[in-house]
Amino acid sequence: MDDSFNIEIAGENALIIYFSDEMNDIVFNQVQLASALITDHLSDKIVDIIASYGSILVQFDLLVIDHFLLKTALRQCLAKLNTPVNQTSKIITLPVYYADESGPDLEKVADHAKLSTDEVIKLHQAQIYQVYAIGFAPGFAYLGEVNAKIATPRLPSPRLKVPKGAVAIADQQTAVYPSVSPGGWNIIGLCPVDMFDPNTTPHMPVHVGDQVQFKSITKLEFIELGGNLETVFI
C-alpha cells in the first residue's frame, strides 16, 4: 500500500485520490503524473478525471466497474508513480491592461507591498504561473504562485460584482475572472481574452498543467483586442 495518497468514495460513481493539502510544485507534479497514468491505463473504465491542487476526482462507469474494483485498479496503476510519463503542457501569454481605471485595487496592493504600482505590475508579469486547478466557475484558473512581495490578503468584504476579465490577486494566487461574478480578490487589471467560451473548441485557453505569463498592454491595445472599459466594480 502506498502511503503517499489516500483513496476515498466521493459519490455513487466517483472516487477521490488525496495526495496533500499543500500547494507546491512537488505535489502538483505528482498529481499531473497520476492523472496521466490513470488516463493511459484506465480510460476504458472512467468517465472523467478532475485534477486539483493535491487531489484527483475520478468518475467511473457503473456498468463497467464498481468502487472496490476501481480502487484496486487505481492502486495498481499509481504504483507506477515513479515511472516517467510524457506530458504535454504549454505556456500561454495573457495580455493585461494594468491601470487605476482597470484595476481598482492596484494601488492598494502597491501600498500593502510598499512598492510603486509600476513595480507591482513588473513583478506580476515577470512570473510564470502554473495552472493548479480550474474552478469555482468554468474557466476560472487558479494560478500560482505570485512573487511573495505582492501577495495580498483577500478583501475584507467581497464585491457583489467583479467584471469579466478582471485580473486579481488573493494571497499567493492570481487569476482571471472568466465572467461577471461576486469576488473578494484584489483587482489589478483587465484581460481582453475570453477564459471560457462554450462555442469554441477547446472551451478554455488554459488547462491544468499549462503555464501562464501575463503581458502588459496599453489601453488602446486592450480596446483593439475586444476589451471593454465600460465595466462596473461593485
Protein backbone atom coordinates (compact mmCIF):
# COMPACT_ATOMS: atom_id res chain seq x y z
CA MET A 1 0.00 0.00 0.00
CA ASP A 2 1.34 3.45 -0.92
CA ASP A 3 1.08 5.92 1.95
CA SER A 4 1.69 8.90 -0.36
CA PHE A 5 -2.02 9.07 -1.24
CA ASN A 6 -5.44 8.08 0.08
CA ILE A 7 -8.46 6.97 -1.97
CA GLU A 8 -11.97 7.67 -0.69
CA ILE A 9 -15.53 7.36 -2.02
CA ALA A 10 -16.82 10.68 -3.42
CA GLY A 11 -20.24 9.63 -4.73
CA GLU A 12 -22.09 6.69 -6.22
CA ASN A 13 -19.81 6.69 -9.27
CA ALA A 14 -16.73 8.55 -8.07
CA LEU A 15 -13.56 8.15 -6.05
CA ILE A 16 -11.21 10.91 -4.94
CA ILE A 17 -7.46 10.48 -4.54
CA TYR A 18 -5.88 12.75 -1.93
CA PHE A 19 -2.14 13.46 -2.19
CA SER A 20 -1.59 16.52 0.02
CA ASP A 21 -3.20 19.69 1.38
CA GLU A 22 -0.09 21.65 0.49
CA MET A 23 0.30 23.64 -2.72
CA ASN A 24 3.75 23.22 -4.19
CA ASP A 25 5.42 22.00 -7.38
CA ILE A 26 6.26 18.57 -5.97
CA VAL A 27 2.64 17.77 -5.12
CA PHE A 28 1.40 19.35 -8.34
CA ASN A 29 3.78 17.26 -10.47
CA GLN A 30 2.68 14.12 -8.62
CA VAL A 31 -0.96 14.92 -9.35
CA GLN A 32 -0.19 15.52 -13.04
CA LEU A 33 1.76 12.28 -13.34
CA ALA A 34 -1.02 10.36 -11.59
CA SER A 35 -3.64 11.87 -13.92
CA ALA A 36 -1.59 10.82 -16.95
CA LEU A 37 -1.20 7.28 -15.62
CA ILE A 38 -4.92 6.92 -14.90
CA THR A 39 -5.80 8.22 -18.37
CA ASP A 40 -3.31 5.87 -20.05
CA HIS A 41 -4.26 2.71 -18.15
CA LEU A 42 -7.91 3.06 -17.09
CA SER A 43 -9.58 5.12 -19.82
CA ASP A 44 -11.98 2.28 -20.66
CA LYS A 45 -13.39 2.37 -17.13
CA ILE A 46 -13.56 6.08 -16.30
CA VAL A 47 -15.88 8.86 -17.45
CA ASP A 48 -13.89 11.87 -16.31
CA ILE A 49 -10.83 12.95 -14.32
CA ILE A 50 -10.78 16.28 -12.49
CA ALA A 51 -7.39 17.26 -11.09
CA SER A 52 -6.94 19.92 -8.43
CA TYR A 53 -4.04 21.14 -6.25
CA GLY A 54 -3.48 17.96 -4.29
CA SER A 55 -6.28 15.63 -5.34
CA ILE A 56 -7.89 13.89 -8.31
CA LEU A 57 -11.61 13.17 -8.65
CA VAL A 58 -12.20 10.03 -10.75
CA GLN A 59 -15.70 9.47 -12.11
CA PHE A 60 -16.32 5.99 -13.48
CA ASP A 61 -18.86 3.95 -15.44
CA LEU A 62 -21.03 1.93 -13.04
CA LEU A 63 -21.82 -0.51 -15.84
CA VAL A 64 -18.13 -1.35 -16.20
CA ILE A 65 -16.65 -1.27 -12.69
CA ASP A 66 -17.52 -0.61 -9.04
CA HIS A 67 -15.84 1.30 -6.19
CA PHE A 68 -13.92 -1.66 -4.84
CA LEU A 69 -12.51 -2.87 -8.16
CA LEU A 70 -11.62 0.65 -9.29
CA LYS A 71 -9.88 1.39 -6.01
CA THR A 72 -7.77 -1.73 -6.50
CA ALA A 73 -7.06 -0.79 -10.12
CA LEU A 74 -6.07 2.74 -9.12
CA ARG A 75 -3.60 1.48 -6.52
CA GLN A 76 -2.04 -0.86 -9.08
CA CYS A 77 -1.89 1.95 -11.62
CA LEU A 78 -0.41 4.50 -9.22
CA ALA A 79 2.28 2.06 -8.13
CA LYS A 80 3.96 3.34 -11.32
CA LEU A 81 4.15 6.91 -9.98
CA ASN A 82 7.94 6.86 -10.08
CA THR A 83 7.93 5.94 -13.77
CA PRO A 84 8.34 8.96 -16.08
CA VAL A 85 5.35 9.70 -18.32
CA ASN A 86 5.43 12.02 -21.29
CA GLN A 87 3.24 15.05 -20.60
CA THR A 88 2.45 17.99 -22.82
CA SER A 89 1.97 21.47 -21.45
CA LYS A 90 2.23 24.91 -22.93
CA ILE A 91 2.92 28.48 -21.86
CA ILE A 92 0.03 30.84 -22.60
CA THR A 93 0.61 34.59 -22.65
CA LEU A 94 -2.37 36.64 -21.49
CA PRO A 95 -2.46 40.40 -22.20
CA VAL A 96 -3.42 42.69 -19.31
CA TYR A 97 -4.26 46.38 -19.16
CA TYR A 98 -2.92 47.44 -15.77
CA ALA A 99 -4.20 50.85 -14.63
CA ASP A 100 -6.26 52.56 -11.95
CA GLU A 101 -9.33 52.52 -14.19
CA SER A 102 -8.98 48.80 -14.92
CA GLY A 103 -7.53 47.74 -11.57
CA PRO A 104 -9.29 49.43 -8.63
CA ASP A 105 -7.09 47.58 -6.12
CA LEU A 106 -3.76 48.13 -7.88
CA GLU A 107 -2.77 50.99 -5.58
CA LYS A 108 -3.94 49.03 -2.52
CA VAL A 109 -1.70 46.09 -3.48
CA ALA A 110 1.19 48.52 -4.02
CA ASP A 111 0.64 50.13 -0.61
CA HIS A 112 0.48 46.70 1.06
CA ALA A 113 3.75 45.70 -0.63
CA LYS A 114 5.35 49.11 -0.02
CA LEU A 115 6.09 49.33 -3.72
CA SER A 116 5.05 51.58 -6.58
CA THR A 117 2.23 50.45 -8.87
CA ASP A 118 4.78 50.10 -11.69
CA GLU A 119 6.82 47.72 -9.52
CA VAL A 120 3.72 45.64 -8.77
CA ILE A 121 2.93 45.39 -12.48
CA LYS A 122 6.52 44.44 -13.28
CA LEU A 123 6.56 41.69 -10.63
CA HIS A 124 3.14 40.34 -11.64
CA GLN A 125 4.05 39.91 -15.29
CA ALA A 126 7.61 38.69 -14.62
CA GLN A 127 6.38 35.43 -13.08
CA ILE A 128 5.43 32.25 -14.95
CA TYR A 129 2.42 30.73 -13.22
CA GLN A 130 1.38 27.10 -13.01
CA VAL A 131 -2.31 26.34 -13.68
CA TYR A 132 -3.08 24.42 -10.49
CA ALA A 133 -6.85 23.95 -10.86
CA ILE A 134 -10.00 25.08 -12.73
CA GLY A 135 -13.00 26.24 -10.66
CA PHE A 136 -15.11 27.76 -8.90
CA ALA A 137 -16.63 28.74 -12.26
CA PRO A 138 -15.89 27.36 -15.75
CA GLY A 139 -12.65 28.91 -16.95
CA PHE A 140 -11.55 30.23 -13.55
CA ALA A 141 -7.92 29.09 -13.43
CA TYR A 142 -6.11 29.17 -10.10
CA LEU A 143 -2.57 30.31 -10.86
CA GLY A 144 0.38 30.26 -8.52
CA GLU A 145 2.38 31.50 -7.02
CA VAL A 146 2.79 35.29 -7.21
CA ASN A 147 6.01 36.90 -6.09
CA ALA A 148 5.89 36.99 -2.28
CA LYS A 149 6.36 40.77 -2.36
CA ILE A 150 2.91 41.30 -3.92
CA ALA A 151 0.97 38.55 -2.14
CA THR A 152 -2.06 40.37 -0.74
CA PRO A 153 -4.91 39.15 1.51
CA ARG A 154 -8.43 38.92 0.12
CA LEU A 155 -10.75 41.90 0.51
CA PRO A 156 -12.48 42.00 3.94
CA SER A 157 -15.85 42.23 2.12
CA PRO A 158 -16.25 40.61 -1.33
CA ARG A 159 -17.52 42.72 -4.19
CA LEU A 160 -21.03 41.97 -5.38
CA LYS A 161 -19.87 42.30 -8.99
CA VAL A 162 -16.46 41.63 -10.49
CA PRO A 163 -16.34 42.20 -14.26
CA LYS A 164 -15.37 39.60 -16.80
CA GLY A 165 -11.65 39.65 -17.46
CA ALA A 166 -10.65 41.06 -14.08
CA VAL A 167 -7.07 40.06 -13.22
CA ALA A 168 -6.74 39.67 -9.49
CA ILE A 169 -4.57 38.55 -6.57
CA ALA A 170 -5.58 36.74 -3.39
CA ASP A 171 -2.79 35.78 -1.02
CA GLN A 172 -0.23 33.89 -3.16
CA GLN A 173 -2.58 33.18 -6.05
CA THR A 174 -3.64 35.11 -9.12
CA ALA A 175 -6.46 34.53 -11.61
CA VAL A 176 -8.59 36.00 -14.38
CA TYR A 177 -12.35 36.12 -13.76
CA PRO A 178 -13.96 34.36 -16.76
CA SER A 179 -17.35 36.00 -16.27
CA VAL A 180 -19.18 38.54 -14.14
CA SER A 181 -19.48 37.23 -10.58
CA PRO A 182 -19.06 38.17 -6.92
CA GLY A 183 -15.48 38.04 -5.70
CA GLY A 184 -13.10 39.06 -2.95
CA TRP A 185 -9.80 39.12 -4.82
CA ASN A 186 -7.74 42.29 -5.36
CA ILE A 187 -8.27 43.50 -8.92
CA ILE A 188 -5.15 44.95 -10.58
CA GLY A 189 -6.11 44.94 -14.26
CA LEU A 190 -8.30 43.62 -17.06
CA CYS A 191 -7.64 40.91 -19.64
CA PRO A 192 -9.49 41.01 -23.02
CA VAL A 193 -9.12 37.24 -23.65
CA ASP A 194 -12.18 35.00 -23.17
CA MET A 195 -11.28 32.50 -20.45
CA PHE A 196 -14.32 30.35 -21.22
CA ASP A 197 -16.38 30.09 -24.40
CA PRO A 198 -18.74 27.11 -24.80
CA ASN A 199 -18.99 27.84 -28.54
CA THR A 200 -15.29 27.23 -29.23
CA THR A 201 -13.07 24.14 -29.11
CA PRO A 202 -11.32 24.00 -26.75
CA HIS A 203 -13.63 25.94 -24.45
CA MET A 204 -10.74 27.42 -22.44
CA PRO A 205 -7.34 28.83 -23.46
CA VAL A 206 -5.65 27.24 -20.42
CA HIS A 207 -5.86 23.85 -18.74
CA VAL A 208 -4.47 22.25 -15.61
CA GLY A 209 -0.79 21.59 -16.25
CA ASP A 210 -0.29 24.61 -18.50
CA GLN A 211 1.66 27.70 -17.53
CA VAL A 212 0.59 31.33 -17.83
CA GLN A 213 2.55 34.53 -18.19
CA PHE A 214 0.93 37.97 -18.22
CA LYS A 215 1.98 40.73 -20.62
CA SER A 216 1.25 44.40 -20.04
CA ILE A 217 -0.63 46.16 -22.85
CA THR A 218 -1.80 49.72 -23.41
CA LYS A 219 -5.35 50.97 -23.14
CA LEU A 220 -5.60 51.19 -26.95
CA GLU A 221 -4.32 47.63 -27.36
CA PHE A 222 -6.82 46.44 -24.77
CA ILE A 223 -9.72 48.01 -26.69
CA GLU A 224 -8.43 46.74 -30.06
CA LEU A 225 -8.36 43.20 -28.61
CA GLY A 226 -12.04 43.49 -27.69
CA GLY A 227 -11.67 44.68 -24.12
CA ASN A 228 -14.46 46.66 -22.50
CA LEU A 229 -13.76 49.54 -20.13
CA GLU A 230 -17.44 50.24 -19.52
CA THR A 231 -17.33 47.86 -16.57
CA VAL A 232 -18.65 48.49 -13.10
CA PHE A 233 -16.82 47.39 -9.97
CA ILE A 234 -19.41 47.00 -7.20
